[in-house]
C-alpha atoms as a PDB file:
ATOM      1  CA  UNK A   1      41.211  21.585  26.744  1.00  0.00           C
ATOM      2  CA  UNK A   2      38.779  22.275  29.507  1.00  0.00           C
ATOM      3  CA  UNK A   3      36.015  20.320  31.050  1.00  0.00           C
ATOM      4  CA  UNK A   4      32.269  21.279  30.497  1.00  0.00           C
ATOM      5  CA  UNK A   5      30.731  22.410  33.783  1.00  0.00           C
ATOM      6  CA  UNK A   6      28.201  20.319  35.794  1.00  0.00           C
ATOM      7  CA  UNK A   7      24.983  20.736  34.250  1.00  0.00           C
ATOM      8  CA  UNK A   8      26.076  22.647  31.237  1.00  0.00           C
ATOM      9  CA  UNK A   9      25.007  21.088  27.854  1.00  0.00           C
ATOM     10  CA  UNK A  10      27.341  18.881  26.254  1.00  0.00           C
ATOM     11  CA  UNK A  11      28.818  19.760  23.267  1.00  0.00           C
ATOM     12  CA  UNK A  12      27.828  17.950  20.068  1.00  0.00           C
ATOM     13  CA  UNK A  13      30.236  16.275  17.662  1.00  0.00           C
ATOM     14  CA  UNK A  14      30.378  17.394  14.125  1.00  0.00           C
ATOM     15  CA  UNK A  15      28.668  15.313  11.771  1.00  0.00           C
ATOM     16  CA  UNK A  16      30.414  13.212   9.846  1.00  0.00           C
ATOM     17  CA  UNK A  17      30.666  12.791   6.173  1.00  0.00           C
ATOM     18  CA  UNK A  18      28.076   9.750   5.979  1.00  0.00           C
ATOM     19  CA  UNK A  19      25.795  11.397   8.421  1.00  0.00           C
ATOM     20  CA  UNK A  20      25.414  14.826   6.314  1.00  0.00           C
ATOM     21  CA  UNK A  21      24.587  12.806   3.521  1.00  0.00           C
ATOM     22  CA  UNK A  22      21.832  10.976   5.180  1.00  0.00           C
ATOM     23  CA  UNK A  23      20.979  14.226   6.392  1.00  0.00           C
ATOM     24  CA  UNK A  24      21.009  16.423   3.577  1.00  0.00           C
ATOM     25  CA  UNK A  25      17.807  17.975   2.381  1.00  0.00           C
ATOM     26  CA  UNK A  26      15.546  16.458   5.329  1.00  0.00           C
ATOM     27  CA  UNK A  27      13.558  18.377   8.004  1.00  0.00           C
ATOM     28  CA  UNK A  28      15.675  20.258  10.864  1.00  0.00           C
ATOM     29  CA  UNK A  29      14.054  18.188  13.637  1.00  0.00           C
ATOM     30  CA  UNK A  30      11.795  15.159  14.199  1.00  0.00           C
ATOM     31  CA  UNK A  31       8.584  15.264  15.644  1.00  0.00           C
ATOM     32  CA  UNK A  32       8.663  13.789  19.214  1.00  0.00           C
ATOM     33  CA  UNK A  33       5.568  11.981  20.839  1.00  0.00           C
ATOM     34  CA  UNK A  34       4.042  14.118  23.860  1.00  0.00           C
ATOM     35  CA  UNK A  35       5.040  11.516  26.207  1.00  0.00           C
ATOM     36  CA  UNK A  36       8.273  11.770  27.762  1.00  0.00           C
ATOM     37  CA  UNK A  37      10.591   9.025  27.468  1.00  0.00           C
ATOM     38  CA  UNK A  38       8.686   7.180  25.144  1.00  0.00           C
ATOM     39  CA  UNK A  39      11.690   7.211  22.568  1.00  0.00           C
ATOM     40  CA  UNK A  40      15.354   7.110  24.161  1.00  0.00           C
ATOM     41  CA  UNK A  41      17.644   8.834  22.174  1.00  0.00           C
ATOM     42  CA  UNK A  42      21.245   6.769  22.038  1.00  0.00           C
ATOM     43  CA  UNK A  43      22.195   8.076  18.217  1.00  0.00           C
ATOM     44  CA  UNK A  44      21.192  10.251  16.049  1.00  0.00           C
ATOM     45  CA  UNK A  45      17.806  10.157  13.977  1.00  0.00           C
ATOM     46  CA  UNK A  46      17.694  11.000  10.579  1.00  0.00           C
ATOM     47  CA  UNK A  47      14.563  12.019   8.613  1.00  0.00           C
ATOM     48  CA  UNK A  48      12.806  11.877   5.327  1.00  0.00           C
ATOM     49  CA  UNK A  49      13.539  14.692   2.445  1.00  0.00           C
ATOM     50  CA  UNK A  50      11.698  17.492   2.393  1.00  0.00           C
ATOM     51  CA  UNK A  51      10.823  16.987  -1.080  1.00  0.00           C
ATOM     52  CA  UNK A  52       9.137  13.762  -0.206  1.00  0.00           C
ATOM     53  CA  UNK A  53       6.093  16.133   1.206  1.00  0.00           C
ATOM     54  CA  UNK A  54       5.915  17.675  -1.881  1.00  0.00           C
ATOM     55  CA  UNK A  55       5.494  14.667  -4.000  1.00  0.00           C
ATOM     56  CA  UNK A  56       2.882  13.148  -1.292  1.00  0.00           C
ATOM     57  CA  UNK A  57       1.064  16.129  -1.526  1.00  0.00           C
ATOM     58  CA  UNK A  58       1.153  16.717  -5.056  1.00  0.00           C
ATOM     59  CA  UNK A  59      -0.078  12.747  -5.606  1.00  0.00           C
ATOM     60  CA  UNK A  60      -2.812  13.471  -3.308  1.00  0.00           C
ATOM     61  CA  UNK A  61      -4.246  16.561  -4.757  1.00  0.00           C
ATOM     62  CA  UNK A  62      -4.209  14.952  -8.102  1.00  0.00           C
ATOM     63  CA  UNK A  63      -6.274  12.236  -6.765  1.00  0.00           C
ATOM     64  CA  UNK A  64      -8.491  14.473  -5.036  1.00  0.00           C
ATOM     65  CA  UNK A  65      -8.917  16.502  -8.381  1.00  0.00           C
ATOM     66  CA  UNK A  66      -9.439  13.350 -10.261  1.00  0.00           C
ATOM     67  CA  UNK A  67     -12.336  12.556  -7.873  1.00  0.00           C
ATOM     68  CA  UNK A  68     -14.094  15.951  -8.148  1.00  0.00           C
ATOM     69  CA  UNK A  69     -13.671  15.626 -12.161  1.00  0.00           C
ATOM     70  CA  UNK A  70     -14.741  12.751 -12.514  1.00  0.00           C
ATOM     71  CA  UNK A  71     -17.982  12.522 -10.080  1.00  0.00           C
ATOM     72  CA  UNK A  72     -20.247  15.099 -11.811  1.00  0.00           C
ATOM     73  CA  UNK A  73     -19.101  13.493 -15.058  1.00  0.00           C
ATOM     74  CA  UNK A  74     -20.460   9.810 -14.110  1.00  0.00           C
ATOM     75  CA  UNK A  75     -23.310  11.034 -12.298  1.00  0.00           C
ATOM     76  CA  UNK A  76     -24.071  12.966 -15.791  1.00  0.00           C
ATOM     77  CA  UNK A  77     -23.616  10.282 -18.013  1.00  0.00           C
ATOM     78  CA  UNK A  78     -25.465   7.791 -15.753  1.00  0.00           C
ATOM     79  CA  UNK A  79     -28.135   9.924 -14.794  1.00  0.00           C
ATOM     80  CA  UNK A  80     -27.980   8.668 -11.197  1.00  0.00           C
ATOM     81  CA  UNK A  81     -27.404  10.626  -8.053  1.00  0.00           C
ATOM     82  CA  UNK A  82     -25.970   7.764  -5.909  1.00  0.00           C
ATOM     83  CA  UNK A  83     -22.292   8.348  -7.464  1.00  0.00           C
ATOM     84  CA  UNK A  84     -21.867  10.993  -4.969  1.00  0.00           C
ATOM     85  CA  UNK A  85     -22.369   8.896  -1.940  1.00  0.00           C
ATOM     86  CA  UNK A  86     -19.022   7.051  -2.674  1.00  0.00           C
ATOM     87  CA  UNK A  87     -17.172  10.045  -4.257  1.00  0.00           C
ATOM     88  CA  UNK A  88     -18.500  12.055  -0.904  1.00  0.00           C
ATOM     89  CA  UNK A  89     -16.697   9.498   1.077  1.00  0.00           C
ATOM     90  CA  UNK A  90     -13.845   9.478  -1.052  1.00  0.00           C
ATOM     91  CA  UNK A  91     -13.562  13.370  -1.281  1.00  0.00           C
ATOM     92  CA  UNK A  92     -13.408  13.619   2.555  1.00  0.00           C
ATOM     93  CA  UNK A  93     -11.241  10.799   3.169  1.00  0.00           C
ATOM     94  CA  UNK A  94      -8.403  12.189   0.710  1.00  0.00           C
ATOM     95  CA  UNK A  95      -8.971  15.923   2.379  1.00  0.00           C
ATOM     96  CA  UNK A  96      -7.978  14.591   5.518  1.00  0.00           C
ATOM     97  CA  UNK A  97      -5.298  12.357   4.239  1.00  0.00           C
ATOM     98  CA  UNK A  98      -3.880  15.640   2.860  1.00  0.00           C
ATOM     99  CA  UNK A  99      -4.260  17.660   5.884  1.00  0.00           C
ATOM    100  CA  UNK A 100      -2.206  14.895   7.792  1.00  0.00           C
ATOM    101  CA  UNK A 101       0.312  13.819   5.511  1.00  0.00           C
ATOM    102  CA  UNK A 102       2.964  16.663   6.412  1.00  0.00           C
ATOM    103  CA  UNK A 103       2.517  15.945  10.156  1.00  0.00           C
ATOM    104  CA  UNK A 104       2.562  12.032   9.221  1.00  0.00           C
ATOM    105  CA  UNK A 105       6.060  12.391   7.243  1.00  0.00           C
ATOM    106  CA  UNK A 106       7.754  14.708   9.944  1.00  0.00           C
ATOM    107  CA  UNK A 107       7.003  11.965  12.449  1.00  0.00           C
ATOM    108  CA  UNK A 108       9.040   9.317  10.327  1.00  0.00           C
ATOM    109  CA  UNK A 109      12.552   8.596  11.274  1.00  0.00           C
ATOM    110  CA  UNK A 110      15.098   6.490  11.101  1.00  0.00           C
ATOM    111  CA  UNK A 111      18.564   5.396  13.331  1.00  0.00           C
ATOM    112  CA  UNK A 112      21.499   3.168  12.811  1.00  0.00           C
ATOM    113  CA  UNK A 113      22.624   1.553  15.722  1.00  0.00           C
ATOM    114  CA  UNK A 114      25.485  -0.891  16.568  1.00  0.00           C
ATOM    115  CA  UNK A 115      23.233  -4.052  15.947  1.00  0.00           C
ATOM    116  CA  UNK A 116      20.156  -2.902  14.311  1.00  0.00           C
ATOM    117  CA  UNK A 117      18.473  -0.274  12.185  1.00  0.00           C
ATOM    118  CA  UNK A 118      15.659   1.611  14.070  1.00  0.00           C
ATOM    119  CA  UNK A 119      12.361   3.187  12.414  1.00  0.00           C
ATOM    120  CA  UNK A 120       9.758   5.010  13.908  1.00  0.00           C
ATOM    121  CA  UNK A 121       6.628   6.492  12.282  1.00  0.00           C
ATOM    122  CA  UNK A 122       3.039   7.498  13.336  1.00  0.00           C
ATOM    123  CA  UNK A 123       1.096  10.203  14.687  1.00  0.00           C
ATOM    124  CA  UNK A 124      -1.806   8.023  16.488  1.00  0.00           C
ATOM    125  CA  UNK A 125      -0.600   5.095  16.060  1.00  0.00           C
ATOM    126  CA  UNK A 126       3.064   5.158  16.625  1.00  0.00           C
ATOM    127  CA  UNK A 127       5.114   1.929  15.439  1.00  0.00           C
ATOM    128  CA  UNK A 128       8.594   1.347  16.269  1.00  0.00           C
ATOM    129  CA  UNK A 129      10.705  -1.219  14.256  1.00  0.00           C
ATOM    130  CA  UNK A 130      14.312  -2.693  14.725  1.00  0.00           C
ATOM    131  CA  UNK A 131      16.028  -4.625  12.113  1.00  0.00           C
ATOM    132  CA  UNK A 132      18.659  -6.595  12.738  1.00  0.00           C
ATOM    133  CA  UNK A 133      21.870  -5.991  10.452  1.00  0.00           C
ATOM    134  CA  UNK A 134      22.173 -10.001  10.506  1.00  0.00           C
ATOM    135  CA  UNK A 135      18.927 -10.719   9.143  1.00  0.00           C
ATOM    136  CA  UNK A 136      18.720  -8.224   6.166  1.00  0.00           C
ATOM    137  CA  UNK A 137      18.774 -10.183   2.813  1.00  0.00           C
ATOM    138  CA  UNK A 138      18.023  -7.669   0.066  1.00  0.00           C
ATOM    139  CA  UNK A 139      18.306  -4.239  -0.011  1.00  0.00           C
ATOM    140  CA  UNK A 140      16.572  -2.262  -2.631  1.00  0.00           C
ATOM    141  CA  UNK A 141      16.089   1.301  -4.421  1.00  0.00           C
ATOM    142  CA  UNK A 142      13.140   2.064  -6.230  1.00  0.00           C
ATOM    143  CA  UNK A 143      11.578   5.679  -7.310  1.00  0.00           C
ATOM    144  CA  UNK A 144       8.930   6.482  -9.481  1.00  0.00           C
ATOM    145  CA  UNK A 145       8.676   9.419 -12.016  1.00  0.00           C
ATOM    146  CA  UNK A 146       7.550  12.080  -9.628  1.00  0.00           C
ATOM    147  CA  UNK A 147      10.442  10.779  -7.303  1.00  0.00           C
ATOM    148  CA  UNK A 148      13.008  11.040  -9.946  1.00  0.00           C
ATOM    149  CA  UNK A 149      11.873  14.594 -10.752  1.00  0.00           C
ATOM    150  CA  UNK A 150      12.192  15.627  -7.276  1.00  0.00           C
ATOM    151  CA  UNK A 151      15.419  13.605  -6.800  1.00  0.00           C
ATOM    152  CA  UNK A 152      14.126  11.385  -3.998  1.00  0.00           C
ATOM    153  CA  UNK A 153      14.274   7.495  -3.579  1.00  0.00           C
ATOM    154  CA  UNK A 154      12.401   4.864  -1.680  1.00  0.00           C
ATOM    155  CA  UNK A 155      14.769   2.388   0.208  1.00  0.00           C
ATOM    156  CA  UNK A 156      13.186  -1.432   1.147  1.00  0.00           C
ATOM    157  CA  UNK A 157      14.509  -3.995   3.345  1.00  0.00           C
ATOM    158  CA  UNK A 158      13.981  -7.693   2.963  1.00  0.00           C
ATOM    159  CA  UNK A 159      14.803  -9.561   5.669  1.00  0.00           C
ATOM    160  CA  UNK A 160      14.689 -13.425   6.606  1.00  0.00           C
ATOM    161  CA  UNK A 161      10.807 -13.218   7.487  1.00  0.00           C
ATOM    162  CA  UNK A 162       9.599 -12.645   3.875  1.00  0.00           C
ATOM    163  CA  UNK A 163       6.636 -11.025   5.428  1.00  0.00           C
ATOM    164  CA  UNK A 164       8.692  -8.468   7.101  1.00  0.00           C
ATOM    165  CA  UNK A 165       9.764  -6.152   4.229  1.00  0.00           C
ATOM    166  CA  UNK A 166      10.638  -2.790   5.931  1.00  0.00           C
ATOM    167  CA  UNK A 167      10.467   0.202   4.010  1.00  0.00           C
ATOM    168  CA  UNK A 168      11.773   3.697   4.248  1.00  0.00           C
ATOM    169  CA  UNK A 169      10.053   6.105   1.908  1.00  0.00           C
ATOM    170  CA  UNK A 170      11.626   9.699   0.856  1.00  0.00           C
ATOM    171  CA  UNK A 171      15.066   9.585   0.897  1.00  0.00           C
ATOM    172  CA  UNK A 172      17.360  11.903  -1.294  1.00  0.00           C
ATOM    173  CA  UNK A 173      18.933   9.732  -3.901  1.00  0.00           C
ATOM    174  CA  UNK A 174      22.420  10.340  -2.426  1.00  0.00           C
ATOM    175  CA  UNK A 175      20.962   9.190   0.974  1.00  0.00           C
ATOM    176  CA  UNK A 176      19.449   5.736  -0.445  1.00  0.00           C
ATOM    177  CA  UNK A 177      22.478   4.644  -1.905  1.00  0.00           C
ATOM    178  CA  UNK A 178      24.665   5.652   0.852  1.00  0.00           C
ATOM    179  CA  UNK A 179      22.346   4.055   3.449  1.00  0.00           C
ATOM    180  CA  UNK A 180      22.209   1.109   0.743  1.00  0.00           C
ATOM    181  CA  UNK A 181      26.285   0.895   0.819  1.00  0.00           C
ATOM    182  CA  UNK A 182      26.469   0.927   4.770  1.00  0.00           C
ATOM    183  CA  UNK A 183      23.570  -1.318   5.007  1.00  0.00           C
ATOM    184  CA  UNK A 184      25.049  -4.272   3.020  1.00  0.00           C
ATOM    185  CA  UNK A 185      28.438  -3.918   4.163  1.00  0.00           C
ATOM    186  CA  UNK A 186      27.381  -3.933   7.803  1.00  0.00           C
ATOM    187  CA  UNK A 187      24.578  -6.968   7.096  1.00  0.00           C
ATOM    188  CA  UNK A 188      27.842  -8.856   5.184  1.00  0.00           C
ATOM    189  CA  UNK A 189      29.907  -8.652   8.411  1.00  0.00           C
ATOM    190  CA  UNK A 190      27.199  -9.346  10.613  1.00  0.00           C
ATOM    191  CA  UNK A 191      26.432 -12.752   8.615  1.00  0.00           C
ATOM    192  CA  UNK A 192      29.946 -13.981   8.620  1.00  0.00           C
ATOM    193  CA  UNK A 193      29.912 -14.107  11.941  1.00  0.00           C
ATOM    194  CA  UNK A 194      26.940 -16.605  12.351  1.00  0.00           C
END
């Protein structure tokens, strides 16, 4: 075995079967902040499933079409034009959200570290949350009809502080189940040491 030359990039180890499950069907690269050194990488970041973007775009488009169809009907039935003001505002908000959603989804990532689970999200307002394994009390998987059709799920972590539930949306079903099992096993081992 040869030592790498100084300055040469280190070879990345092949992903374990757990990481392969967590990364199946996700985006290729986590979008980073433009600020250098904002997020230190001491583990591998995992992303949301690509299908989650499709589900979100379908939901937002359906809401946009519903408002666009309902506003003229309500205006015609009531005979008033004021309905167009809230409908117009709602259409603009939905259109902007529709444009920003793919980038927001790409900015979401999570990482399993030795003592905690770190989640990051946001474009303009960035948020980084670390959830200690020993504080987790409940790990819940949910999925709606559209989520099931696209094979994705949402993982919810409830900690000792009831108001601090953390949600990881848009995981593939396999990744959600694997992550749930890993988090439960690690949380049980951490709680026994208390």
